[in-house]
Amino acid sequence: MSTKAPADGEQGSPADGHEASPHGAHGYSDHRDDYLARLRRIEGQVRGLQRMVNEDSYCIDILTQVSAVTRALQSVALGLLEDHLGHCVAHAAAEGGPVADEKLREASAAIARLVRS
């Protein structure tokens, strides 16, 4: 399956692994492969955590790894947020109107969720 995202303005299809989004092209599309690699690395770290718990590893060692996974996920989240602000929100703001207002509300809510996590 191809990991290449459709170009701006192109619609994805289930056959190419990219569903058409009701929101248009995503801001992270140019960095998709990087995000996927980082998420696979995090997935491996989580599997390592499961193994540590299964093997009755020392609590502090497990907590140290939980902290590393949490930081890695936060880094991905911040990158996605930056891409969203630089692409989706910036485009909507340039157009103005209710779409811009909605994108700003979405971004504000996403930032609030990240701050609370």
PDB file of N, CA and C in Angstrom:
ATOM      1  N   MET A   1       0.848  -1.176   0.000  1.00  0.00           N
ATOM      2  CA  MET A   1       0.000   0.000   0.000  1.00  0.00           C
ATOM      3  C   MET A   1       0.888   1.232   0.000  1.00  0.00           C
ATOM      4  N   SER A   2       0.507   2.212  -0.752  1.00  0.00           N
ATOM      5  CA  SER A   2       1.258   3.456  -0.858  1.00  0.00           C
ATOM      6  C   SER A   2       1.096   4.284   0.409  1.00  0.00           C
ATOM      7  N   THR A   3       2.171   4.960   0.831  1.00  0.00           N
ATOM      8  CA  THR A   3       2.062   5.870   1.975  1.00  0.00           C
ATOM      9  C   THR A   3       2.085   7.315   1.516  1.00  0.00           C
ATOM     10  N   LYS A   4       2.088   7.517   0.188  1.00  0.00           N
ATOM     11  CA  LYS A   4       2.106   8.884  -0.334  1.00  0.00           C
ATOM     12  C   LYS A   4       0.717   9.485  -0.214  1.00  0.00           C
ATOM     13  N   ALA A   5       0.647  10.641   0.375  1.00  0.00           N
ATOM     14  CA  ALA A   5      -0.629  11.332   0.550  1.00  0.00           C
ATOM     15  C   ALA A   5      -1.035  11.991  -0.759  1.00  0.00           C
ATOM     16  N   PRO A   6      -2.347  12.148  -0.970  1.00  0.00           N
ATOM     17  CA  PRO A   6      -2.788  12.883  -2.147  1.00  0.00           C
ATOM     18  C   PRO A   6      -2.270  14.318  -2.082  1.00  0.00           C
ATOM     19  N   ALA A   7      -1.974  14.886  -3.239  1.00  0.00           N
ATOM     20  CA  ALA A   7      -1.522  16.279  -3.289  1.00  0.00           C
ATOM     21  C   ALA A   7      -2.670  17.190  -2.895  1.00  0.00           C
ATOM     22  N   ASP A   8      -2.340  18.423  -2.496  1.00  0.00           N
ATOM     23  CA  ASP A   8      -3.384  19.386  -2.150  1.00  0.00           C
ATOM     24  C   ASP A   8      -4.407  19.455  -3.266  1.00  0.00           C
ATOM     25  N   GLY A   9      -5.666  19.406  -2.881  1.00  0.00           N
ATOM     26  CA  GLY A   9      -6.746  19.488  -3.849  1.00  0.00           C
ATOM     27  C   GLY A   9      -7.168  18.143  -4.398  1.00  0.00           C
ATOM     28  N   GLU A  10      -6.330  17.098  -4.243  1.00  0.00           N
ATOM     29  CA  GLU A  10      -6.693  15.771  -4.714  1.00  0.00           C
ATOM     30  C   GLU A  10      -7.462  15.042  -3.632  1.00  0.00           C
ATOM     31  N   GLN A  11      -8.346  14.172  -4.042  1.00  0.00           N
ATOM     32  CA  GLN A  11      -9.110  13.354  -3.107  1.00  0.00           C
ATOM     33  C   GLN A  11      -8.396  12.027  -2.930  1.00  0.00           C
ATOM     34  N   GLY A  12      -8.329  11.536  -1.714  1.00  0.00           N
ATOM     35  CA  GLY A  12      -7.795  10.213  -1.461  1.00  0.00           C
ATOM     36  C   GLY A  12      -8.888   9.193  -1.692  1.00  0.00           C
ATOM     37  N   SER A  13      -8.493   7.941  -1.770  1.00  0.00           N
ATOM     38  CA  SER A  13      -9.480   6.881  -1.923  1.00  0.00           C
ATOM     39  C   SER A  13      -9.109   5.741  -0.999  1.00  0.00           C
ATOM     40  N   PRO A  14     -10.091   4.900  -0.636  1.00  0.00           N
ATOM     41  CA  PRO A  14      -9.771   3.759   0.213  1.00  0.00           C
ATOM     42  C   PRO A  14      -8.716   2.860  -0.415  1.00  0.00           C
ATOM     43  N   ALA A  15      -8.678   2.786  -1.748  1.00  0.00           N
ATOM     44  CA  ALA A  15      -7.722   1.920  -2.427  1.00  0.00           C
ATOM     45  C   ALA A  15      -6.285   2.362  -2.191  1.00  0.00           C
ATOM     46  N   ASP A  16      -6.039   3.676  -2.075  1.00  0.00           N
ATOM     47  CA  ASP A  16      -4.669   4.134  -1.848  1.00  0.00           C
ATOM     48  C   ASP A  16      -4.362   4.328  -0.367  1.00  0.00           C
ATOM     49  N   GLY A  17      -5.318   3.959   0.504  1.00  0.00           N
ATOM     50  CA  GLY A  17      -5.097   4.045   1.941  1.00  0.00           C
ATOM     51  C   GLY A  17      -5.365   5.410   2.524  1.00  0.00           C
ATOM     52  N   HIS A  18      -5.891   6.337   1.727  1.00  0.00           N
ATOM     53  CA  HIS A  18      -6.157   7.691   2.204  1.00  0.00           C
ATOM     54  C   HIS A  18      -7.593   8.062   1.887  1.00  0.00           C
ATOM     55  N   GLU A  19      -8.418   7.991   2.900  1.00  0.00           N
ATOM     56  CA  GLU A  19      -9.815   8.383   2.739  1.00  0.00           C
ATOM     57  C   GLU A  19      -9.894   9.878   2.458  1.00  0.00           C
ATOM     58  N   ALA A  20     -10.857  10.274   1.652  1.00  0.00           N
ATOM     59  CA  ALA A  20     -11.091  11.697   1.434  1.00  0.00           C
ATOM     60  C   ALA A  20     -11.572  12.300   2.747  1.00  0.00           C
ATOM     61  N   SER A  21     -11.003  13.413   3.130  1.00  0.00           N
ATOM     62  CA  SER A  21     -11.366  14.059   4.386  1.00  0.00           C
ATOM     63  C   SER A  21     -12.371  15.163   4.131  1.00  0.00           C
ATOM     64  N   PRO A  22     -13.382  15.272   4.998  1.00  0.00           N
ATOM     65  CA  PRO A  22     -14.317  16.385   4.845  1.00  0.00           C
ATOM     66  C   PRO A  22     -13.645  17.725   5.150  1.00  0.00           C
ATOM     67  N   HIS A  23     -12.446  17.688   5.724  1.00  0.00           N
ATOM     68  CA  HIS A  23     -11.722  18.907   6.094  1.00  0.00           C
ATOM     69  C   HIS A  23     -10.695  19.306   5.038  1.00  0.00           C
ATOM     70  N   GLY A  24     -10.588  18.562   3.943  1.00  0.00           N
ATOM     71  CA  GLY A  24      -9.567  18.849   2.937  1.00  0.00           C
ATOM     72  C   GLY A  24      -8.245  18.206   3.323  1.00  0.00           C
ATOM     73  N   ALA A  25      -7.159  18.634   2.676  1.00  0.00           N
ATOM     74  CA  ALA A  25      -5.837  18.077   2.965  1.00  0.00           C
ATOM     75  C   ALA A  25      -5.453  18.407   4.404  1.00  0.00           C
ATOM     76  N   HIS A  26      -4.751  17.484   5.028  1.00  0.00           N
ATOM     77  CA  HIS A  26      -4.329  17.677   6.415  1.00  0.00           C
ATOM     78  C   HIS A  26      -2.968  18.365   6.458  1.00  0.00           C
ATOM     79  N   GLY A  27      -2.761  19.171   7.484  1.00  0.00           N
ATOM     80  CA  GLY A  27      -1.499  19.880   7.641  1.00  0.00           C
ATOM     81  C   GLY A  27      -0.321  18.954   7.853  1.00  0.00           C
ATOM     82  N   TYR A  28      -0.563  17.763   8.385  1.00  0.00           N
ATOM     83  CA  TYR A  28       0.529  16.835   8.666  1.00  0.00           C
ATOM     84  C   TYR A  28       0.908  15.984   7.461  1.00  0.00           C
ATOM     85  N   SER A  29       0.189  16.105   6.355  1.00  0.00           N
ATOM     86  CA  SER A  29       0.405  15.232   5.196  1.00  0.00           C
ATOM     87  C   SER A  29       1.853  15.220   4.721  1.00  0.00           C
ATOM     88  N   ASP A  30       2.515  16.373   4.740  1.00  0.00           N
ATOM     89  CA  ASP A  30       3.910  16.430   4.296  1.00  0.00           C
ATOM     90  C   ASP A  30       4.846  15.684   5.239  1.00  0.00           C
ATOM     91  N   HIS A  31       4.409  15.433   6.468  1.00  0.00           N
ATOM     92  CA  HIS A  31       5.247  14.769   7.471  1.00  0.00           C
ATOM     93  C   HIS A  31       4.700  13.396   7.860  1.00  0.00           C
ATOM     94  N   ARG A  32       3.779  12.871   7.074  1.00  0.00           N
ATOM     95  CA  ARG A  32       3.108  11.608   7.408  1.00  0.00           C
ATOM     96  C   ARG A  32       4.102  10.498   7.742  1.00  0.00           C
ATOM     97  N   ASP A  33       5.102  10.293   6.897  1.00  0.00           N
ATOM     98  CA  ASP A  33       6.047   9.199   7.132  1.00  0.00           C
ATOM     99  C   ASP A  33       6.811   9.380   8.439  1.00  0.00           C
ATOM    100  N   ASP A  34       7.183  10.620   8.748  1.00  0.00           N
ATOM    101  CA  ASP A  34       7.879  10.898  10.005  1.00  0.00           C
ATOM    102  C   ASP A  34       6.980  10.580  11.197  1.00  0.00           C
ATOM    103  N   TYR A  35       5.724  11.029  11.131  1.00  0.00           N
ATOM    104  CA  TYR A  35       4.795  10.750  12.228  1.00  0.00           C
ATOM    105  C   TYR A  35       4.574   9.250  12.385  1.00  0.00           C
ATOM    106  N   LEU A  36       4.420   8.544  11.283  1.00  0.00           N
ATOM    107  CA  LEU A  36       4.210   7.099  11.367  1.00  0.00           C
ATOM    108  C   LEU A  36       5.422   6.400  11.975  1.00  0.00           C
ATOM    109  N   ALA A  37       6.621   6.820  11.591  1.00  0.00           N
ATOM    110  CA  ALA A  37       7.837   6.224  12.163  1.00  0.00           C
ATOM    111  C   ALA A  37       7.907   6.487  13.664  1.00  0.00           C
ATOM    112  N   ARG A  38       7.598   7.707  14.062  1.00  0.00           N
ATOM    113  CA  ARG A  38       7.628   8.044  15.488  1.00  0.00           C
ATOM    114  C   ARG A  38       6.579   7.247  16.257  1.00  0.00           C
ATOM    115  N   LEU A  39       5.390   7.108  15.678  1.00  0.00           N
ATOM    116  CA  LEU A  39       4.333   6.346  16.354  1.00  0.00           C
ATOM    117  C   LEU A  39       4.679   4.863  16.437  1.00  0.00           C
ATOM    118  N   ARG A  40       5.343   4.319  15.415  1.00  0.00           N
ATOM    119  CA  ARG A  40       5.780   2.916  15.488  1.00  0.00           C
ATOM    120  C   ARG A  40       6.820   2.741  16.593  1.00  0.00           C
ATOM    121  N   ARG A  41       7.719   3.736  16.732  1.00  0.00           N
ATOM    122  CA  ARG A  41       8.719   3.690  17.801  1.00  0.00           C
ATOM    123  C   ARG A  41       8.028   3.708  19.167  1.00  0.00           C
ATOM    124  N   ILE A  42       7.032   4.569  19.310  1.00  0.00           N
ATOM    125  CA  ILE A  42       6.271   4.650  20.564  1.00  0.00           C
ATOM    126  C   ILE A  42       5.545   3.337  20.819  1.00  0.00           C
ATOM    127  N   GLU A  43       4.987   2.761  19.767  1.00  0.00           N
ATOM    128  CA  GLU A  43       4.311   1.465  19.903  1.00  0.00           C
ATOM    129  C   GLU A  43       5.281   0.416  20.452  1.00  0.00           C
ATOM    130  N   GLY A  44       6.513   0.437  19.963  1.00  0.00           N
ATOM    131  CA  GLY A  44       7.533  -0.481  20.469  1.00  0.00           C
ATOM    132  C   GLY A  44       7.849  -0.217  21.933  1.00  0.00           C
ATOM    133  N   GLN A  45       7.883   1.061  22.314  1.00  0.00           N
ATOM    134  CA  GLN A  45       8.126   1.403  23.719  1.00  0.00           C
ATOM    135  C   GLN A  45       6.991   0.884  24.605  1.00  0.00           C
ATOM    136  N   VAL A  46       5.756   0.992  24.129  1.00  0.00           N
ATOM    137  CA  VAL A  46       4.611   0.510  24.910  1.00  0.00           C
ATOM    138  C   VAL A  46       4.672  -1.009  25.037  1.00  0.00           C
ATOM    139  N   ARG A  47       5.070  -1.692  23.976  1.00  0.00           N
ATOM    140  CA  ARG A  47       5.238  -3.150  24.075  1.00  0.00           C
ATOM    141  C   ARG A  47       6.314  -3.486  25.100  1.00  0.00           C
ATOM    142  N   GLY A  48       7.376  -2.671  25.126  1.00  0.00           N
ATOM    143  CA  GLY A  48       8.420  -2.866  26.126  1.00  0.00           C
ATOM    144  C   GLY A  48       7.880  -2.691  27.534  1.00  0.00           C
ATOM    145  N   LEU A  49       6.987  -1.722  27.718  1.00  0.00           N
ATOM    146  CA  LEU A  49       6.344  -1.529  29.027  1.00  0.00           C
ATOM    147  C   LEU A  49       5.535  -2.759  29.425  1.00  0.00           C
ATOM    148  N   GLN A  50       4.790  -3.299  28.476  1.00  0.00           N
ATOM    149  CA  GLN A  50       4.008  -4.506  28.768  1.00  0.00           C
ATOM    150  C   GLN A  50       4.930  -5.641  29.197  1.00  0.00           C
ATOM    151  N   ARG A  51       6.044  -5.779  28.494  1.00  0.00           N
ATOM    152  CA  ARG A  51       7.007  -6.828  28.822  1.00  0.00           C
ATOM    153  C   ARG A  51       7.574  -6.605  30.225  1.00  0.00           C
ATOM    154  N   MET A  52       7.901  -5.341  30.549  1.00  0.00           N
ATOM    155  CA  MET A  52       8.442  -5.035  31.875  1.00  0.00           C
ATOM    156  C   MET A  52       7.453  -5.405  32.976  1.00  0.00           C
ATOM    157  N   VAL A  53       6.176  -5.082  32.783  1.00  0.00           N
ATOM    158  CA  VAL A  53       5.156  -5.423  33.782  1.00  0.00           C
ATOM    159  C   VAL A  53       5.025  -6.938  33.870  1.00  0.00           C
ATOM    160  N   ASN A  54       5.001  -7.603  32.729  1.00  0.00           N
ATOM    161  CA  ASN A  54       4.877  -9.060  32.705  1.00  0.00           C
ATOM    162  C   ASN A  54       6.048  -9.733  33.420  1.00  0.00           C
ATOM    163  N   GLU A  55       7.221  -9.123  33.331  1.00  0.00           N
ATOM    164  CA  GLU A  55       8.426  -9.692  33.948  1.00  0.00           C
ATOM    165  C   GLU A  55       8.659  -9.175  35.364  1.00  0.00           C
ATOM    166  N   ASP A  56       7.660  -8.471  35.927  1.00  0.00           N
ATOM    167  CA  ASP A  56       7.761  -7.936  37.286  1.00  0.00           C
ATOM    168  C   ASP A  56       8.984  -7.049  37.484  1.00  0.00           C
ATOM    169  N   SER A  57       9.230  -6.166  36.528  1.00  0.00           N
ATOM    170  CA  SER A  57      10.353  -5.224  36.636  1.00  0.00           C
ATOM    171  C   SER A  57      10.113  -4.251  37.783  1.00  0.00           C
ATOM    172  N   TYR A  58      11.168  -3.602  38.200  1.00  0.00           N
ATOM    173  CA  TYR A  58      11.131  -2.639  39.297  1.00  0.00           C
ATOM    174  C   TYR A  58      10.215  -1.471  38.924  1.00  0.00           C
ATOM    175  N   CYS A  59       9.372  -1.051  39.860  1.00  0.00           N
ATOM    176  CA  CYS A  59       8.362  -0.007  39.625  1.00  0.00           C
ATOM    177  C   CYS A  59       8.959   1.266  39.043  1.00  0.00           C
ATOM    178  N   ILE A  60      10.059   1.719  39.610  1.00  0.00           N
ATOM    179  CA  ILE A  60      10.669   2.969  39.164  1.00  0.00           C
ATOM    180  C   ILE A  60      11.163   2.849  37.726  1.00  0.00           C
ATOM    181  N   ASP A  61      11.681   1.686  37.352  1.00  0.00           N
ATOM    182  CA  ASP A  61      12.114   1.479  35.966  1.00  0.00           C
ATOM    183  C   ASP A  61      10.922   1.571  35.010  1.00  0.00           C
ATOM    184  N   ILE A  62       9.800   1.000  35.407  1.00  0.00           N
ATOM    185  CA  ILE A  62       8.589   1.066  34.579  1.00  0.00           C
ATOM    186  C   ILE A  62       8.109   2.507  34.479  1.00  0.00           C
ATOM    187  N   LEU A  63       8.075   3.205  35.611  1.00  0.00           N
ATOM    188  CA  LEU A  63       7.629   4.600  35.607  1.00  0.00           C
ATOM    189  C   LEU A  63       8.531   5.481  34.746  1.00  0.00           C
ATOM    190  N   THR A  64       9.823   5.197  34.746  1.00  0.00           N
ATOM    191  CA  THR A  64      10.751   5.949  33.902  1.00  0.00           C
ATOM    192  C   THR A  64      10.397   5.764  32.431  1.00  0.00           C
ATOM    193  N   GLN A  65      10.072   4.530  32.059  1.00  0.00           N
ATOM    194  CA  GLN A  65       9.695   4.262  30.672  1.00  0.00           C
ATOM    195  C   GLN A  65       8.332   4.863  30.328  1.00  0.00           C
ATOM    196  N   VAL A  66       7.400   4.857  31.281  1.00  0.00           N
ATOM    197  CA  VAL A  66       6.097   5.507  31.063  1.00  0.00           C
ATOM    198  C   VAL A  66       6.317   6.991  30.784  1.00  0.00           C
ATOM    199  N   SER A  67       7.207   7.605  31.532  1.00  0.00           N
ATOM    200  CA  SER A  67       7.513   9.018  31.331  1.00  0.00           C
ATOM    201  C   SER A  67       8.086   9.261  29.935  1.00  0.00           C
ATOM    202  N   ALA A  68       8.958   8.376  29.479  1.00  0.00           N
ATOM    203  CA  ALA A  68       9.547   8.519  28.143  1.00  0.00           C
ATOM    204  C   ALA A  68       8.477   8.404  27.058  1.00  0.00           C
ATOM    205  N   VAL A  69       7.561   7.454  27.213  1.00  0.00           N
ATOM    206  CA  VAL A  69       6.475   7.282  26.239  1.00  0.00           C
ATOM    207  C   VAL A  69       5.570   8.510  26.241  1.00  0.00           C
ATOM    208  N   THR A  70       5.275   9.011  27.423  1.00  0.00           N
ATOM    209  CA  THR A  70       4.419  10.194  27.539  1.00  0.00           C
ATOM    210  C   THR A  70       5.057  11.388  26.840  1.00  0.00           C
ATOM    211  N   ARG A  71       6.350  11.589  27.056  1.00  0.00           N
ATOM    212  CA  ARG A  71       7.053  12.702  26.392  1.00  0.00           C
ATOM    213  C   ARG A  71       7.052  12.523  24.879  1.00  0.00           C
ATOM    214  N   ALA A  72       7.239  11.292  24.421  1.00  0.00           N
ATOM    215  CA  ALA A  72       7.244  11.033  22.978  1.00  0.00           C
ATOM    216  C   ALA A  72       5.878  11.328  22.369  1.00  0.00           C
ATOM    217  N   LEU A  73       4.810  10.925  23.047  1.00  0.00           N
ATOM    218  CA  LEU A  73       3.461  11.220  22.552  1.00  0.00           C
ATOM    219  C   LEU A  73       3.183  12.719  22.568  1.00  0.00           C
ATOM    220  N   GLN A  74       3.642  13.403  23.607  1.00  0.00           N
ATOM    221  CA  GLN A  74       3.462  14.857  23.662  1.00  0.00           C
ATOM    222  C   GLN A  74       4.197  15.539  22.514  1.00  0.00           C
ATOM    223  N   SER A  75       5.356  15.033  22.169  1.00  0.00           N
ATOM    224  CA  SER A  75       6.117  15.593  21.058  1.00  0.00           C
ATOM    225  C   SER A  75       5.363  15.425  19.742  1.00  0.00           C
ATOM    226  N   VAL A  76       4.772  14.253  19.533  1.00  0.00           N
ATOM    227  CA  VAL A  76       3.957  14.022  18.334  1.00  0.00           C
ATOM    228  C   VAL A  76       2.763  14.972  18.339  1.00  0.00           C
ATOM    229  N   ALA A  77       2.108  15.094  19.488  1.00  0.00           N
ATOM    230  CA  ALA A  77       0.933  15.966  19.591  1.00  0.00           C
ATOM    231  C   ALA A  77       1.298  17.413  19.278  1.00  0.00           C
ATOM    232  N   LEU A  78       2.412  17.886  19.797  1.00  0.00           N
ATOM    233  CA  LEU A  78       2.827  19.266  19.527  1.00  0.00           C
ATOM    234  C   LEU A  78       3.161  19.472  18.054  1.00  0.00           C
ATOM    235  N   GLY A  79       3.779  18.480  17.436  1.00  0.00           N
ATOM    236  CA  GLY A  79       4.062  18.570  16.002  1.00  0.00           C
ATOM    237  C   GLY A  79       2.789  18.628  15.182  1.00  0.00           C
ATOM    238  N   LEU A  80       1.823  17.776  15.535  1.00  0.00           N
ATOM    239  CA  LEU A  80       0.534  17.797  14.835  1.00  0.00           C
ATOM    240  C   LEU A  80      -0.173  19.128  15.028  1.00  0.00           C
ATOM    241  N   LEU A  81      -0.111  19.654  16.242  1.00  0.00           N
ATOM    242  CA  LEU A  81      -0.737  20.946  16.515  1.00  0.00           C
ATOM    243  C   LEU A  81      -0.074  22.047  15.692  1.00  0.00           C
ATOM    244  N   GLU A  82       1.249  22.041  15.648  1.00  0.00           N
ATOM    245  CA  GLU A  82       1.968  23.042  14.855  1.00  0.00           C
ATOM    246  C   GLU A  82       1.581  22.946  13.381  1.00  0.00           C
ATOM    247  N   ASP A  83       1.519  21.717  12.855  1.00  0.00           N
ATOM    248  CA  ASP A  83       1.109  21.529  11.461  1.00  0.00           C
ATOM    249  C   ASP A  83      -0.323  22.010  11.243  1.00  0.00           C
ATOM    250  N   HIS A  84      -1.203  21.720  12.192  1.00  0.00           N
ATOM    251  CA  HIS A  84      -2.604  22.132  12.071  1.00  0.00           C
ATOM    252  C   HIS A  84      -2.717  23.660  12.058  1.00  0.00           C
ATOM    253  N   LEU A  85      -2.011  24.306  12.973  1.00  0.00           N
ATOM    254  CA  LEU A  85      -2.059  25.770  13.028  1.00  0.00           C
ATOM    255  C   LEU A  85      -1.476  26.393  11.760  1.00  0.00           C
ATOM    256  N   GLY A  86      -0.367  25.846  11.299  1.00  0.00           N
ATOM    257  CA  GLY A  86       0.308  26.409  10.135  1.00  0.00           C
ATOM    258  C   GLY A  86      -0.394  26.145   8.821  1.00  0.00           C
ATOM    259  N   HIS A  87      -1.226  25.127   8.782  1.00  0.00           N
ATOM    260  CA  HIS A  87      -1.894  24.774   7.530  1.00  0.00           C
ATOM    261  C   HIS A  87      -3.392  25.034   7.617  1.00  0.00           C
ATOM    262  N   CYS A  88      -4.077  24.232   8.393  1.00  0.00           N
ATOM    263  CA  CYS A  88      -5.543  24.282   8.436  1.00  0.00           C
ATOM    264  C   CYS A  88      -6.064  25.606   8.984  1.00  0.00           C
ATOM    265  N   VAL A  89      -5.543  26.013  10.130  1.00  0.00           N
ATOM    266  CA  VAL A  89      -6.035  27.242  10.761  1.00  0.00           C
ATOM    267  C   VAL A  89      -5.612  28.463   9.945  1.00  0.00           C
ATOM    268  N   ALA A  90      -4.374  28.469   9.457  1.00  0.00           N
ATOM    269  CA  ALA A  90      -3.902  29.608   8.665  1.00  0.00           C
ATOM    270  C   ALA A  90      -4.729  29.775   7.393  1.00  0.00           C
ATOM    271  N   HIS A  91      -5.031  28.655   6.704  1.00  0.00           N
ATOM    272  CA  HIS A  91      -5.848  28.737   5.487  1.00  0.00           C
ATOM    273  C   HIS A  91      -7.250  29.245   5.807  1.00  0.00           C
ATOM    274  N   ALA A  92      -7.834  28.721   6.874  1.00  0.00           N
ATOM    275  CA  ALA A  92      -9.187  29.147   7.250  1.00  0.00           C
ATOM    276  C   ALA A  92      -9.197  30.620   7.651  1.00  0.00           C
ATOM    277  N   ALA A  93      -8.171  31.052   8.375  1.00  0.00           N
ATOM    278  CA  ALA A  93      -8.108  32.455   8.799  1.00  0.00           C
ATOM    279  C   ALA A  93      -7.992  33.382   7.593  1.00  0.00           C
ATOM    280  N   ALA A  94      -7.250  32.944   6.574  1.00  0.00           N
ATOM    281  CA  ALA A  94      -7.111  33.762   5.368  1.00  0.00           C
ATOM    282  C   ALA A  94      -8.450  33.915   4.647  1.00  0.00           C
ATOM    283  N   GLU A  95      -9.277  32.852   4.706  1.00  0.00           N
ATOM    284  CA  GLU A  95     -10.602  32.909   4.078  1.00  0.00           C
ATOM    285  C   GLU A  95     -11.591  33.689   4.928  1.00  0.00           C
ATOM    286  N   GLY A  96     -11.426  33.629   6.241  1.00  0.00           N
ATOM    287  CA  GLY A  96     -12.324  34.329   7.160  1.00  0.00           C
ATOM    288  C   GLY A  96     -13.674  33.652   7.278  1.00  0.00           C
ATOM    289  N   GLY A  97     -14.581  34.313   7.955  1.00  0.00           N
ATOM    290  CA  GLY A  97     -15.947  33.818   8.090  1.00  0.00           C
ATOM    291  C   GLY A  97     -16.104  32.721   9.115  1.00  0.00           C
ATOM    292  N   PRO A  98     -17.233  32.004   9.038  1.00  0.00           N
ATOM    293  CA  PRO A  98     -17.546  30.979  10.037  1.00  0.00           C
ATOM    294  C   PRO A  98     -16.568  29.806  10.035  1.00  0.00           C
ATOM    295  N   VAL A  99     -15.977  29.488   8.883  1.00  0.00           N
ATOM    296  CA  VAL A  99     -14.998  28.395   8.832  1.00  0.00           C
ATOM    297  C   VAL A  99     -13.785  28.757   9.683  1.00  0.00           C
ATOM    298  N   ALA A 100     -13.331  29.989   9.578  1.00  0.00           N
ATOM    299  CA  ALA A 100     -12.189  30.438  10.383  1.00  0.00           C
ATOM    300  C   ALA A 100     -12.528  30.389  11.866  1.00  0.00           C
ATOM    301  N   ASP A 101     -13.723  30.834  12.207  1.00  0.00           N
ATOM    302  CA  ASP A 101     -14.149  30.801  13.609  1.00  0.00           C
ATOM    303  C   ASP A 101     -14.157  29.373  14.138  1.00  0.00           C
ATOM    304  N   GLU A 102     -14.659  28.438  13.338  1.00  0.00           N
ATOM    305  CA  GLU A 102     -14.718  27.033  13.755  1.00  0.00           C
ATOM    306  C   GLU A 102     -13.315  26.456  13.925  1.00  0.00           C
ATOM    307  N   LYS A 103     -12.416  26.732  12.983  1.00  0.00           N
ATOM    308  CA  LYS A 103     -11.038  26.228  13.080  1.00  0.00           C
ATOM    309  C   LYS A 103     -10.340  26.786  14.322  1.00  0.00           C
ATOM    310  N   LEU A 104     -10.585  28.037  14.638  1.00  0.00           N
ATOM    311  CA  LEU A 104      -9.993  28.625  15.845  1.00  0.00           C
ATOM    312  C   LEU A 104     -10.551  27.970  17.102  1.00  0.00           C
ATOM    313  N   ARG A 105     -11.864  27.687  17.118  1.00  0.00           N
ATOM    314  CA  ARG A 105     -12.460  26.987  18.273  1.00  0.00           C
ATOM    315  C   ARG A 105     -11.866  25.587  18.417  1.00  0.00           C
ATOM    316  N   GLU A 106     -11.732  24.878  17.286  1.00  0.00           N
ATOM    317  CA  GLU A 106     -11.140  23.538  17.321  1.00  0.00           C
ATOM    318  C   GLU A 106      -9.713  23.585  17.862  1.00  0.00           C
ATOM    319  N   ALA A 107      -8.919  24.526  17.360  1.00  0.00           N
ATOM    320  CA  ALA A 107      -7.527  24.640  17.796  1.00  0.00           C
ATOM    321  C   ALA A 107      -7.447  24.989  19.275  1.00  0.00           C
ATOM    322  N   SER A 108      -8.299  25.889  19.716  1.00  0.00           N
ATOM    323  CA  SER A 108      -8.322  26.275  21.127  1.00  0.00           C
ATOM    324  C   SER A 108      -8.669  25.081  22.010  1.00  0.00           C
ATOM    325  N   ALA A 109      -9.659  24.299  21.600  1.00  0.00           N
ATOM    326  CA  ALA A 109     -10.050  23.109  22.368  1.00  0.00           C
ATOM    327  C   ALA A 109      -8.921  22.078  22.384  1.00  0.00           C
ATOM    328  N   ALA A 110      -8.237  21.906  21.255  1.00  0.00           N
ATOM    329  CA  ALA A 110      -7.125  20.952  21.194  1.00  0.00           C
ATOM    330  C   ALA A 110      -5.986  21.389  22.113  1.00  0.00           C
ATOM    331  N   ILE A 111      -5.684  22.673  22.107  1.00  0.00           N
ATOM    332  CA  ILE A 111      -4.635  23.193  22.992  1.00  0.00           C
ATOM    333  C   ILE A 111      -5.025  22.979  24.450  1.00  0.00           C
ATOM    334  N   ALA A 112      -6.282  23.233  24.782  1.00  0.00           N
ATOM    335  CA  ALA A 112      -6.750  23.027  26.160  1.00  0.00           C
ATOM    336  C   ALA A 112      -6.598  21.565  26.567  1.00  0.00           C
ATOM    337  N   ARG A 113      -6.926  20.634  25.663  1.00  0.00           N
ATOM    338  CA  ARG A 113      -6.775  19.203  25.979  1.00  0.00           C
ATOM    339  C   ARG A 113      -5.310  18.855  26.212  1.00  0.00           C
ATOM    340  N   LEU A 114      -4.424  19.407  25.390  1.00  0.00           N
ATOM    341  CA  LEU A 114      -2.996  19.123  25.555  1.00  0.00           C
ATOM    342  C   LEU A 114      -2.457  19.685  26.861  1.00  0.00           C
ATOM    343  N   VAL A 115      -2.906  20.869  27.225  1.00  0.00           N
ATOM    344  CA  VAL A 115      -2.442  21.491  28.468  1.00  0.00           C
ATOM    345  C   VAL A 115      -2.912  20.683  29.673  1.00  0.00           C
ATOM    346  N   ARG A 116      -4.121  20.154  29.602  1.00  0.00           N
ATOM    347  CA  ARG A 116      -4.662  19.367  30.726  1.00  0.00           C
ATOM    348  C   ARG A 116      -4.037  17.984  30.823  1.00  0.00           C
ATOM    349  N   SER A 117      -3.455  17.490  29.737  1.00  0.00           N
ATOM    350  CA  SER A 117      -2.925  16.119  29.775  1.00  0.00           C
ATOM    351  C   SER A 117      -1.565  16.050  30.424  1.00  0.00           C
TER     352      SER A 117
END
